[in-house]
Amino acid sequence: MPDPVETYLKAIVAHDWAALAETLTDDVMRTGPFFDVYQGRASYLEFISALMPTLPNYSMEVGRITYVDEGRRAYAELSETLDVEGKPHTTPEVLVFDLVDDRIARVDIFIKRKS
């Protein structure tokens, strides 16, 4: 079976919502960096499929994906870039994934910020 986290990240960039849906459990929960929560596959897909096409010049660079807890949790270190006021803005992040039966049950997004 393909790596669910790698497939998830590629599907986000490609706007491949069918492939993304295949990586998620029915009751997936996504908590964003601003404590926004989406519960359930349909709710999350509705949110992400509406958001991603609005991000100008969006790109993602994945540094590494690390699996722990016998494959039940993964950490993806990445950066996302998009234009803000006409200039590229890059945000380093870590996404934490909980996996059940090779599907993503939870996604928590953490943004690295300057203090």
Protein backbone atom coordinates (compact mmCIF):
# COMPACT_ATOMS: atom_id res chain seq x y z
CA MET A 1 0.00 0.00 0.00
CA PRO A 2 1.33 3.50 -0.79
CA ASP A 3 2.55 5.66 2.08
CA PRO A 4 -0.62 7.44 3.33
CA VAL A 5 1.20 10.57 4.51
CA GLU A 6 3.20 10.96 1.31
CA THR A 7 0.03 10.38 -0.72
CA TYR A 8 -1.85 12.93 1.43
CA LEU A 9 0.80 15.62 0.91
CA LYS A 10 1.03 15.01 -2.84
CA ALA A 11 -2.77 15.10 -3.13
CA ILE A 12 -2.91 18.46 -1.33
CA VAL A 13 -0.46 20.00 -3.81
CA ALA A 14 -2.13 18.37 -6.83
CA HIS A 15 -5.65 19.25 -5.66
CA ASP A 16 -6.49 15.58 -6.07
CA TRP A 17 -9.40 15.39 -3.66
CA ALA A 18 -10.30 11.79 -4.53
CA ALA A 19 -6.76 10.63 -3.70
CA LEU A 20 -6.82 12.71 -0.52
CA ALA A 21 -10.14 11.17 0.54
CA GLU A 22 -8.62 7.69 0.18
CA THR A 23 -5.95 8.52 2.79
CA LEU A 24 -8.48 9.60 5.46
CA THR A 25 -10.63 7.72 7.94
CA ASP A 26 -14.34 8.56 7.96
CA ASP A 27 -13.97 10.36 11.30
CA VAL A 28 -10.67 12.14 10.60
CA MET A 29 -10.02 15.24 12.72
CA ARG A 30 -7.86 18.09 11.49
CA THR A 31 -6.70 20.83 13.85
CA GLY A 32 -5.03 23.77 12.15
CA PRO A 33 -2.41 26.19 13.45
CA PHE A 34 -5.09 28.65 14.54
CA PHE A 35 -7.07 25.97 16.45
CA ASP A 36 -9.57 25.58 13.63
CA VAL A 37 -11.01 22.07 13.78
CA TYR A 38 -12.64 20.01 11.04
CA GLN A 39 -14.20 16.71 12.07
CA GLY A 40 -15.10 14.03 9.56
CA ARG A 41 -13.89 13.31 6.04
CA ALA A 42 -16.66 15.25 4.26
CA SER A 43 -16.19 18.37 6.40
CA TYR A 44 -12.42 18.35 5.98
CA LEU A 45 -12.59 17.75 2.22
CA GLU A 46 -15.09 20.57 1.83
CA PHE A 47 -12.75 22.93 3.71
CA ILE A 48 -9.47 21.95 2.05
CA SER A 49 -10.86 21.74 -1.49
CA ALA A 50 -12.29 25.25 -1.15
CA LEU A 51 -9.14 26.71 0.44
CA MET A 52 -6.27 25.34 -1.65
CA PRO A 53 -7.29 26.77 -5.06
CA THR A 54 -7.40 30.26 -3.50
CA LEU A 55 -3.72 30.24 -2.43
CA PRO A 56 -1.71 32.14 -5.07
CA ASN A 57 1.42 30.38 -6.36
CA TYR A 58 1.17 27.69 -3.67
CA SER A 59 3.94 25.12 -3.34
CA MET A 60 5.11 22.65 -0.73
CA GLU A 61 8.56 21.29 -0.02
CA VAL A 62 8.69 18.20 2.18
CA GLY A 63 11.89 17.86 4.19
CA ARG A 64 11.21 14.47 5.75
CA ILE A 65 8.52 12.16 7.02
CA THR A 66 9.28 10.21 10.18
CA TYR A 67 7.14 7.31 11.43
CA VAL A 68 7.09 6.32 15.11
CA ASP A 69 4.97 4.14 17.41
CA GLU A 70 5.16 1.18 15.01
CA GLY A 71 3.74 3.28 12.18
CA ARG A 72 0.80 4.66 14.15
CA ARG A 73 2.14 8.23 14.15
CA ALA A 74 4.06 10.26 11.58
CA TYR A 75 5.73 13.65 11.58
CA ALA A 76 6.11 15.56 8.32
CA GLU A 77 8.54 18.46 8.31
CA LEU A 78 7.76 20.75 5.42
CA SER A 79 7.46 24.31 4.22
CA GLU A 80 4.59 25.87 2.35
CA THR A 81 5.06 28.89 0.11
CA LEU A 82 2.42 31.19 -1.32
CA ASP A 83 2.25 34.78 -2.44
CA VAL A 84 1.24 37.35 0.17
CA GLU A 85 0.73 40.85 -1.19
CA GLY A 86 2.48 39.76 -4.40
CA LYS A 87 5.61 38.36 -2.72
CA PRO A 88 6.49 34.76 -1.84
CA HIS A 89 5.99 33.93 1.83
CA THR A 90 7.35 30.64 3.21
CA THR A 91 6.10 29.02 6.39
CA PRO A 92 8.03 26.14 8.00
CA GLU A 93 5.70 23.60 9.59
CA VAL A 94 5.38 20.21 11.19
CA LEU A 95 2.28 18.12 10.60
CA VAL A 96 1.56 15.34 13.07
CA PHE A 97 -0.49 12.42 11.76
CA ASP A 98 -2.20 9.66 13.74
CA LEU A 99 -2.82 6.58 11.62
CA VAL A 100 -5.29 3.74 11.95
CA ASP A 101 -5.17 0.83 9.51
CA ASP A 102 -2.92 2.81 7.12
CA ARG A 103 -5.31 5.76 6.99
CA ILE A 104 -5.02 9.18 8.56
CA ALA A 105 -7.27 9.57 11.60
CA ARG A 106 -5.90 12.87 12.85
CA VAL A 107 -3.83 15.76 11.48
CA ASP A 108 -2.39 18.48 13.73
CA ILE A 109 -0.59 21.39 12.09
CA PHE A 110 2.14 23.37 13.86
CA ILE A 111 3.77 26.48 12.36
CA LYS A 112 7.25 27.63 13.30
CA ARG A 113 7.23 31.34 14.09
CA LYS A 114 9.81 33.98 14.83
CA SER A 115 9.63 35.18 18.41
